[in-house]
Each structure stands twice: as structure tokens, then as C-alpha cells.
Amino acid sequence: MRTRIFDRSIRVGVTGALVAGSLLALGVSGAAAAAPCPGSSPAVLSAQIPGAALEGVTVDGQGRLYTTDLVSGRIFRVDAPGQAAVPIATVPGGAGALAWSPDGSLLVGTGANAGVLIGDLTRAASVARVDVNSGAVTPIAGGLSAANGLAVAHDGTIYATNDFGSLIGKVSPGGAVDPAWATFPSANGAALSGDNRWLYVSRTFANPGVSRISVDNPGYSESLVDLVGLETFSAPDGLTLDSRDRAIVPTDISGEVWRIDGPGQYCSLTSGLQASSVLTYGRGNSGFAAGHLYRAGFDGKIFEIPAGFDAGAQAATP
């Protein structure tokens, strides 16, 4: 029978937390801490899925939260904070990032398994559409390096990242796949600016930090944060953007949630959340509501980050 530690190591091998888990095992949990943001505060537990290693997270217009488990490949729905998670679908080969298409359907990155280690060569990952009522999972685009992060533009263009590789893939609204739209080592997570001009990504392993990539010229990027010293081991992961297009970034090792206020300027909204994997804002007027910031992690837990509240922010929708 697999232990929880073994299950987590499988998940980590997919998204980059293998290094994070090794450092934690060695006692390297003290990556240098960022200065607290004004109003920073402890996180509040909202839900938990025992034994799960959560990778993707998003919220629908009714305030229901969806999250993926890399251990089982299942997609779960949590209707409101404090309620139990309900499995709604299973993704063959492993479930990764989640996002919404312009027609309102849920998208999931598939191929979230150890194969992403050579994903740039095999290009075995795909994006699928999920029927949240029936649980049907229908592939819509393949040939990607990975789909550890997904971002969807207003016109339906999909961007998919691989933190263990260098290729960022692009799927056009018509379904054409460009698996090497951009070459950007260790891009983790994906979030588009409000005007869809910039793709924001964390850099987990190669030159750790946070960048944004020009959508019109993917060969051009701007670094927002370059980590040095002990912060190099912080392992920034699946980020989101607030209503001012400021990147909000979780870290696996330091256990912080950072807000990037400008180039080289960042602070910690909360701390003590080691093994964080991804962030999202809520949507709707109830449940996981708009303006509220939520963190999912490899520990199977979902926390609200009260200091991240932003009345104008909501889960990324095209």
C-alpha cells in the first residue's frame, strides 16, 4: 500500500516539488523570508482532501471550487468553505492545471505524471474539456510538453507550461497546437494580464523568480523577481493575478504567499504554508466568493489568504 509520503513524491516529481520535498526532508525549510505585507495575517483552513496532492484549482461563477489531485488523477468539487470535497471526474494519466474556456466549460491539463521530466521530447501532454455534471473528460488538444499551468485568453487561445522543461505550448482557438510557442526554462503556473498582452509565470528551478512573457513576441520577457541566496530555494509555484495585474505567488519551501508590487518589490501576505502549489481568486457572491484568495497545496489542504482580499479580483475567466 502506498504511503502518503510516496504519493506526494509522485506528485512532486510531476510539478517540481521533488526538489522541494528533498529539501524539506533535509531540514531546509528556512528559505529566506520576504518582508510581511501591510495587513499580512495567518491563513484560514477552508477545506481539505486527505491523501490528496492538489495541483490545479479554480472557482466557477457559483462560487464552487474545483481542484485536481495528482495522486489519483481525480478532479474534486467543493461547494463552499467547510464542506466536503466531491470527486466529479478522473483524468487518465494524471490531472494537472485547471482553467475556464470562453464558453464556460472547465479545462484540465492531462499527462501530469513523471513523463513531464522529458516532456519537451515526448510531448505527451494534452488539454481536455471536463463535463462537470457527467464527469466526461474529452481531449481537445495534444502534443504538449506539459500542462502544469494553463491560461486561456479572451479569444480561447490556451497557453500550457512545464516547470520541468523549457517549452510553453499554445493552442489556437481553432485547435492548432504549437508545442514550442515559447522557450522558457522551468515556467510554472500561467496567468494572463487583463489585456491579454502578458503571460505571467513563476520560474521554479532554472534561475528562480517570476517573469512575464510578451504574448505578441514570446521571445521577449521581463523579470519581475530574481531570487538570490537562500530565497533561491523558495520554489515559487502556480501564481495568479489580482485586479491590478500584480502577481500573487505561492512558494513550496518558504511557505509564503508573495505579492509582487513591482520589479524587485515583493512582500509576504502570509506564511507557514509549506507545500503550496497554486492560487486562485473566488467568483460569485457566495461559497468561494469573488475577491477572496485561496491556496491549494500538496498537503491536500485549501486555505483562504485574508490579506490577499481584493474586491475587484476573481478567478481567471476569458
Protein backbone atom coordinates (compact mmCIF):
# COMPACT_ATOMS: atom_id res chain seq x y z
CA MET A 1 0.00 0.00 0.00
CA ARG A 2 1.38 3.40 -0.92
CA THR A 3 2.21 5.72 1.92
CA ARG A 4 1.20 9.34 1.81
CA ILE A 5 4.86 10.32 1.54
CA PHE A 6 5.26 8.12 -1.54
CA ASP A 7 2.07 9.54 -3.07
CA ARG A 8 3.31 13.05 -2.52
CA SER A 9 6.67 12.24 -4.08
CA ILE A 10 4.85 11.12 -7.24
CA ARG A 11 3.03 14.44 -7.42
CA VAL A 12 6.16 16.38 -6.71
CA GLY A 13 8.04 14.60 -9.42
CA VAL A 14 5.46 16.00 -11.82
CA THR A 15 5.44 19.64 -10.82
CA GLY A 16 8.75 20.37 -9.33
CA ALA A 17 8.20 19.67 -5.70
CA LEU A 18 10.55 16.71 -5.83
CA VAL A 19 13.34 19.13 -5.03
CA ALA A 20 11.09 20.83 -2.51
CA GLY A 21 10.37 17.55 -0.76
CA SER A 22 14.05 16.65 -0.67
CA LEU A 23 14.98 19.98 0.89
CA LEU A 24 12.25 19.65 3.48
CA ALA A 25 13.47 16.17 4.35
CA LEU A 26 16.94 17.62 4.88
CA GLY A 27 15.51 20.29 7.13
CA VAL A 28 15.96 23.12 4.65
CA SER A 29 12.62 24.73 5.38
CA GLY A 30 14.11 28.12 6.13
CA ALA A 31 14.46 29.74 2.75
CA ALA A 32 14.92 33.43 3.45
CA ALA A 33 11.61 35.09 4.30
CA ALA A 34 10.16 38.10 2.49
CA ALA A 35 9.10 41.14 4.49
CA PRO A 36 5.42 40.99 5.57
CA CYS A 37 2.95 43.00 3.50
CA PRO A 38 0.94 45.64 5.38
CA GLY A 39 -2.04 43.78 6.86
CA SER A 40 -0.47 40.33 6.46
CA SER A 41 -2.22 37.69 8.54
CA PRO A 42 -2.45 33.91 9.11
CA ALA A 43 -4.26 31.76 6.57
CA VAL A 44 -7.62 30.15 7.36
CA LEU A 45 -8.34 26.49 6.54
CA SER A 46 -11.27 26.26 4.11
CA ALA A 47 -11.27 22.60 3.02
CA GLN A 48 -9.11 19.51 2.95
CA ILE A 49 -8.88 16.28 0.98
CA PRO A 50 -6.92 13.69 2.98
CA GLY A 51 -4.25 11.89 0.99
CA ALA A 52 -4.50 14.21 -1.99
CA ALA A 53 -1.71 16.27 -3.56
CA LEU A 54 -3.50 19.26 -5.08
CA GLU A 55 -2.14 20.78 -8.26
CA GLY A 56 -4.82 22.77 -10.11
CA VAL A 57 -7.52 25.00 -8.63
CA THR A 58 -10.23 27.32 -9.93
CA VAL A 59 -13.72 28.54 -8.99
CA ASP A 60 -16.90 28.74 -11.07
CA GLY A 61 -19.48 31.51 -11.19
CA GLN A 62 -21.49 29.89 -8.39
CA GLY A 63 -18.54 30.03 -6.01
CA ARG A 64 -17.80 26.28 -6.25
CA LEU A 65 -14.12 25.35 -6.09
CA TYR A 66 -12.56 22.70 -8.33
CA THR A 67 -9.17 21.13 -7.70
CA THR A 68 -7.06 18.31 -9.14
CA ASP A 69 -5.26 15.51 -7.29
CA LEU A 70 -2.00 14.33 -8.81
CA VAL A 71 -2.06 11.14 -6.76
CA SER A 72 -5.36 9.76 -8.09
CA GLY A 73 -5.93 11.86 -11.22
CA ARG A 74 -9.29 12.92 -9.83
CA ILE A 75 -10.97 16.30 -10.08
CA PHE A 76 -12.86 17.35 -6.95
CA ARG A 77 -15.56 19.96 -6.35
CA VAL A 78 -16.03 21.76 -3.03
CA ASP A 79 -19.29 23.70 -2.92
CA ALA A 80 -18.33 26.09 -0.11
CA PRO A 81 -15.69 26.53 2.61
CA GLY A 82 -16.10 23.89 5.30
CA GLN A 83 -17.87 21.40 3.05
CA ALA A 84 -16.56 18.01 1.94
CA ALA A 85 -14.91 17.53 -1.43
CA VAL A 86 -16.82 15.50 -4.02
CA PRO A 87 -14.96 13.71 -6.85
CA ILE A 88 -16.55 14.57 -10.20
CA ALA A 89 -14.13 13.13 -12.78
CA THR A 90 -10.92 11.15 -13.24
CA VAL A 91 -8.24 12.14 -15.73
CA PRO A 92 -6.26 9.27 -17.30
CA GLY A 93 -2.51 9.83 -16.97
CA GLY A 94 -2.77 12.44 -14.25
CA ALA A 95 -4.66 15.70 -13.71
CA GLY A 96 -2.77 19.00 -13.75
CA ALA A 97 -3.84 22.61 -14.12
CA LEU A 98 -7.43 23.86 -14.41
CA ALA A 99 -8.83 26.80 -16.38
CA TRP A 100 -12.05 28.03 -17.97
CA SER A 101 -12.75 28.28 -21.70
CA PRO A 102 -14.74 31.22 -23.12
CA ASP A 103 -17.84 29.03 -23.43
CA GLY A 104 -17.73 28.40 -19.67
CA SER A 105 -16.51 24.81 -19.81
CA LEU A 106 -13.80 23.53 -17.49
CA LEU A 107 -10.42 22.67 -18.99
CA VAL A 108 -7.83 20.38 -17.41
CA GLY A 109 -4.23 19.66 -18.26
CA THR A 110 -3.57 15.93 -18.70
CA GLY A 111 -0.35 13.94 -18.57
CA ALA A 112 0.54 15.11 -15.06
CA ASN A 113 2.94 12.27 -14.34
CA ALA A 114 6.67 11.62 -14.27
CA GLY A 115 6.70 11.83 -18.07
CA VAL A 116 6.90 15.61 -17.87
CA LEU A 117 10.58 15.15 -16.98
CA ILE A 118 11.13 14.52 -20.69
CA GLY A 119 8.04 16.33 -21.88
CA ASP A 120 9.96 18.59 -24.26
CA LEU A 121 10.98 15.45 -26.17
CA THR A 122 7.88 13.26 -25.92
CA ARG A 123 5.21 15.98 -25.96
CA ALA A 124 2.69 13.55 -24.50
CA ALA A 125 0.55 16.01 -22.52
CA SER A 126 -2.80 17.38 -23.60
CA VAL A 127 -5.70 19.62 -22.66
CA ALA A 128 -9.18 18.18 -22.16
CA ARG A 129 -12.68 19.51 -21.58
CA VAL A 130 -14.49 18.32 -18.46
CA ASP A 131 -18.26 17.99 -18.17
CA VAL A 132 -18.72 18.91 -14.52
CA ASN A 133 -22.14 17.22 -14.47
CA SER A 134 -21.40 13.87 -16.13
CA GLY A 135 -17.68 13.65 -15.39
CA ALA A 136 -16.85 13.05 -19.05
CA VAL A 137 -13.29 14.06 -19.99
CA THR A 138 -12.81 14.84 -23.69
CA PRO A 139 -9.32 15.63 -25.07
CA ILE A 140 -9.27 18.72 -27.26
CA ALA A 141 -5.55 19.25 -27.95
CA GLY A 142 -2.43 17.11 -27.61
CA GLY A 143 1.28 17.16 -28.35
CA LEU A 144 2.21 19.45 -25.46
CA SER A 145 5.28 19.27 -23.27
CA ALA A 146 3.06 19.53 -20.17
CA ALA A 147 0.08 21.41 -18.79
CA ASN A 148 1.34 22.19 -15.31
CA GLY A 149 -0.02 25.70 -15.82
CA LEU A 150 -2.92 26.74 -18.06
CA ALA A 151 -4.05 30.21 -19.08
CA VAL A 152 -6.85 30.98 -21.53
CA ALA A 153 -7.11 34.22 -23.50
CA HIS A 154 -10.33 36.09 -24.30
CA ASP A 155 -10.40 34.53 -27.77
CA GLY A 156 -9.92 30.99 -26.43
CA THR A 157 -6.18 30.67 -27.06
CA ILE A 158 -4.65 28.31 -24.49
CA TYR A 159 -1.12 28.52 -23.06
CA ALA A 160 0.40 25.50 -21.25
CA THR A 161 3.64 25.34 -19.25
CA ASN A 162 6.11 22.72 -17.96
CA ASP A 163 8.22 23.56 -14.88
CA PHE A 164 10.48 20.57 -15.61
CA GLY A 165 11.02 21.58 -19.24
CA SER A 166 11.59 24.62 -21.40
CA LEU A 167 8.66 24.60 -23.82
CA ILE A 168 5.48 26.62 -23.41
CA GLY A 169 2.75 25.38 -25.73
CA LYS A 170 -0.01 27.32 -27.44
CA VAL A 171 -3.35 26.01 -28.67
CA SER A 172 -5.20 28.29 -31.08
CA PRO A 173 -8.99 28.80 -30.89
CA GLY A 174 -9.27 26.51 -33.93
CA GLY A 175 -7.33 23.73 -32.21
CA ALA A 176 -3.93 24.10 -33.90
CA VAL A 177 -1.12 23.21 -31.48
CA ASP A 178 2.26 24.95 -31.33
CA PRO A 179 4.15 22.92 -28.70
CA ALA A 180 7.13 25.31 -28.77
CA TRP A 181 5.40 28.70 -28.85
CA ALA A 182 8.00 29.94 -26.36
CA THR A 183 11.20 28.53 -24.91
CA PHE A 184 11.35 29.48 -21.26
CA PRO A 185 13.05 27.12 -18.75
CA SER A 186 11.02 25.97 -15.74
CA ALA A 187 7.92 28.08 -16.36
CA ASN A 188 5.44 27.14 -13.63
CA GLY A 189 1.82 28.21 -13.48
CA ALA A 190 0.34 30.61 -16.02
CA ALA A 191 -1.75 33.77 -15.74
CA LEU A 192 -2.67 36.31 -18.41
CA SER A 193 -2.83 40.03 -17.79
CA GLY A 194 -6.23 41.68 -18.06
CA ASP A 195 -5.46 42.91 -21.57
CA ASN A 196 -4.00 39.52 -22.58
CA ARG A 197 -0.71 41.14 -23.59
CA TRP A 198 1.44 39.36 -20.99
CA LEU A 199 1.73 35.78 -19.78
CA TYR A 200 2.95 35.68 -16.18
CA VAL A 201 4.86 32.60 -14.96
CA SER A 202 6.90 31.57 -11.96
CA ARG A 203 10.41 30.21 -12.51
CA THR A 204 10.73 27.31 -10.09
CA PHE A 205 14.14 25.72 -10.74
CA ALA A 206 16.04 27.47 -13.53
CA ASN A 207 17.04 30.95 -12.37
CA PRO A 208 14.19 31.00 -9.77
CA GLY A 209 11.88 34.00 -9.73
CA VAL A 210 8.87 35.45 -11.54
CA SER A 211 8.61 36.73 -15.12
CA ARG A 212 6.13 37.92 -17.69
CA ILE A 213 6.33 36.97 -21.36
CA SER A 214 5.08 39.10 -24.25
CA VAL A 215 2.17 37.36 -25.96
CA ASP A 216 2.87 39.17 -29.24
CA ASN A 217 6.61 38.46 -29.09
CA PRO A 218 7.21 35.33 -26.98
CA GLY A 219 10.97 35.71 -27.41
CA TYR A 220 10.78 38.78 -25.17
CA SER A 221 10.27 38.54 -21.42
CA GLU A 222 10.67 40.75 -18.37
CA SER A 223 11.85 39.51 -15.00
CA LEU A 224 9.83 40.80 -12.07
CA VAL A 225 11.67 38.95 -9.30
CA ASP A 226 15.11 37.31 -9.30
CA LEU A 227 15.74 35.17 -6.22
CA VAL A 228 19.20 35.04 -4.68
CA GLY A 229 20.80 33.44 -1.63
CA LEU A 230 18.53 31.24 0.46
CA GLU A 231 15.45 32.56 -1.37
CA THR A 232 16.67 30.55 -4.36
CA PHE A 233 15.19 27.53 -2.55
CA SER A 234 11.75 29.10 -2.04
CA ALA A 235 10.34 27.28 -5.11
CA PRO A 236 7.73 29.75 -6.46
CA ASP A 237 4.77 27.83 -7.89
CA GLY A 238 1.36 28.34 -9.56
CA LEU A 239 0.64 32.07 -9.46
CA THR A 240 -2.43 34.20 -10.06
CA LEU A 241 -3.03 37.93 -10.67
CA ASP A 242 -5.05 40.43 -8.66
CA SER A 243 -7.26 43.15 -10.17
CA ARG A 244 -4.19 45.38 -10.67
CA ASP A 245 -2.30 42.65 -12.53
CA ARG A 246 0.04 42.16 -9.60
CA ALA A 247 1.36 38.61 -9.44
CA ILE A 248 0.41 36.67 -6.30
CA VAL A 249 2.81 33.75 -5.89
CA PRO A 250 2.87 30.74 -3.51
CA THR A 251 6.14 29.12 -2.52
CA ASP A 252 6.70 25.43 -1.81
CA ILE A 253 9.64 25.72 0.57
CA SER A 254 9.45 29.06 2.38
CA GLY A 255 5.71 28.54 2.81
CA GLU A 256 4.85 32.13 1.97
CA VAL A 257 2.41 33.78 -0.41
CA TRP A 258 4.04 36.76 -2.08
CA ARG A 259 2.54 39.82 -3.74
CA ILE A 260 4.75 41.34 -6.45
CA ASP A 261 4.27 45.11 -6.26
CA GLY A 262 6.84 45.97 -8.92
CA PRO A 263 10.15 44.80 -10.37
CA GLY A 264 12.20 43.52 -7.44
CA GLN A 265 9.49 44.60 -4.98
CA TYR A 266 7.54 41.91 -3.16
CA CYS A 267 6.17 41.12 0.28
CA SER A 268 4.52 38.21 2.09
CA LEU A 269 0.75 38.12 2.55
CA THR A 270 1.02 35.09 4.83
CA SER A 271 3.49 32.40 5.90
CA GLY A 272 3.58 28.90 7.35
CA LEU A 273 2.09 27.21 4.27
CA GLN A 274 4.85 24.91 3.10
CA ALA A 275 3.99 22.67 0.13
CA SER A 276 1.76 25.30 -1.51
CA SER A 277 1.15 24.59 -5.19
CA VAL A 278 -1.32 27.07 -6.66
CA LEU A 279 -3.54 30.08 -6.00
CA THR A 280 -6.88 31.33 -7.30
CA TYR A 281 -9.38 34.06 -6.53
CA GLY A 282 -13.01 33.12 -5.94
CA ARG A 283 -16.02 34.01 -8.07
CA GLY A 284 -19.68 34.75 -7.46
CA ASN A 285 -21.42 36.09 -4.36
CA SER A 286 -21.27 33.03 -2.12
CA GLY A 287 -19.14 29.97 -1.41
CA PHE A 288 -15.59 30.64 -2.54
CA ALA A 289 -16.65 34.16 -3.39
CA ALA A 290 -15.11 36.84 -5.59
CA GLY A 291 -12.32 38.87 -4.02
CA HIS A 292 -11.25 36.08 -1.68
CA LEU A 293 -7.86 34.49 -2.34
CA TYR A 294 -7.40 30.72 -1.95
CA ARG A 295 -4.34 28.48 -1.82
CA ALA A 296 -4.23 24.75 -2.63
CA GLY A 297 -1.29 22.55 -1.74
CA PHE A 298 0.42 19.21 -1.96
CA ASP A 299 -0.78 18.64 1.62
CA GLY A 300 -4.37 18.27 0.35
CA LYS A 301 -5.49 21.48 2.06
CA ILE A 302 -7.16 24.63 0.80
CA PHE A 303 -6.64 27.84 2.76
CA GLU A 304 -8.06 31.32 2.40
CA ILE A 305 -5.46 34.11 2.49
CA PRO A 306 -7.41 37.01 4.10
CA ALA A 307 -4.63 39.53 3.47
CA GLY A 308 -4.99 38.87 -0.26
CA PHE A 309 -8.61 40.04 -0.40
CA ASP A 310 -9.19 42.23 -3.45
CA ALA A 311 -12.74 43.38 -4.14
CA GLY A 312 -12.06 43.64 -7.86
CA ALA A 313 -10.41 40.24 -8.31
CA GLN A 314 -11.95 36.93 -9.34
CA ALA A 315 -10.84 33.59 -10.74
CA ALA A 316 -9.35 33.95 -14.19
CA THR A 317 -12.05 33.88 -16.86
CA PRO A 318 -11.65 34.79 -20.54
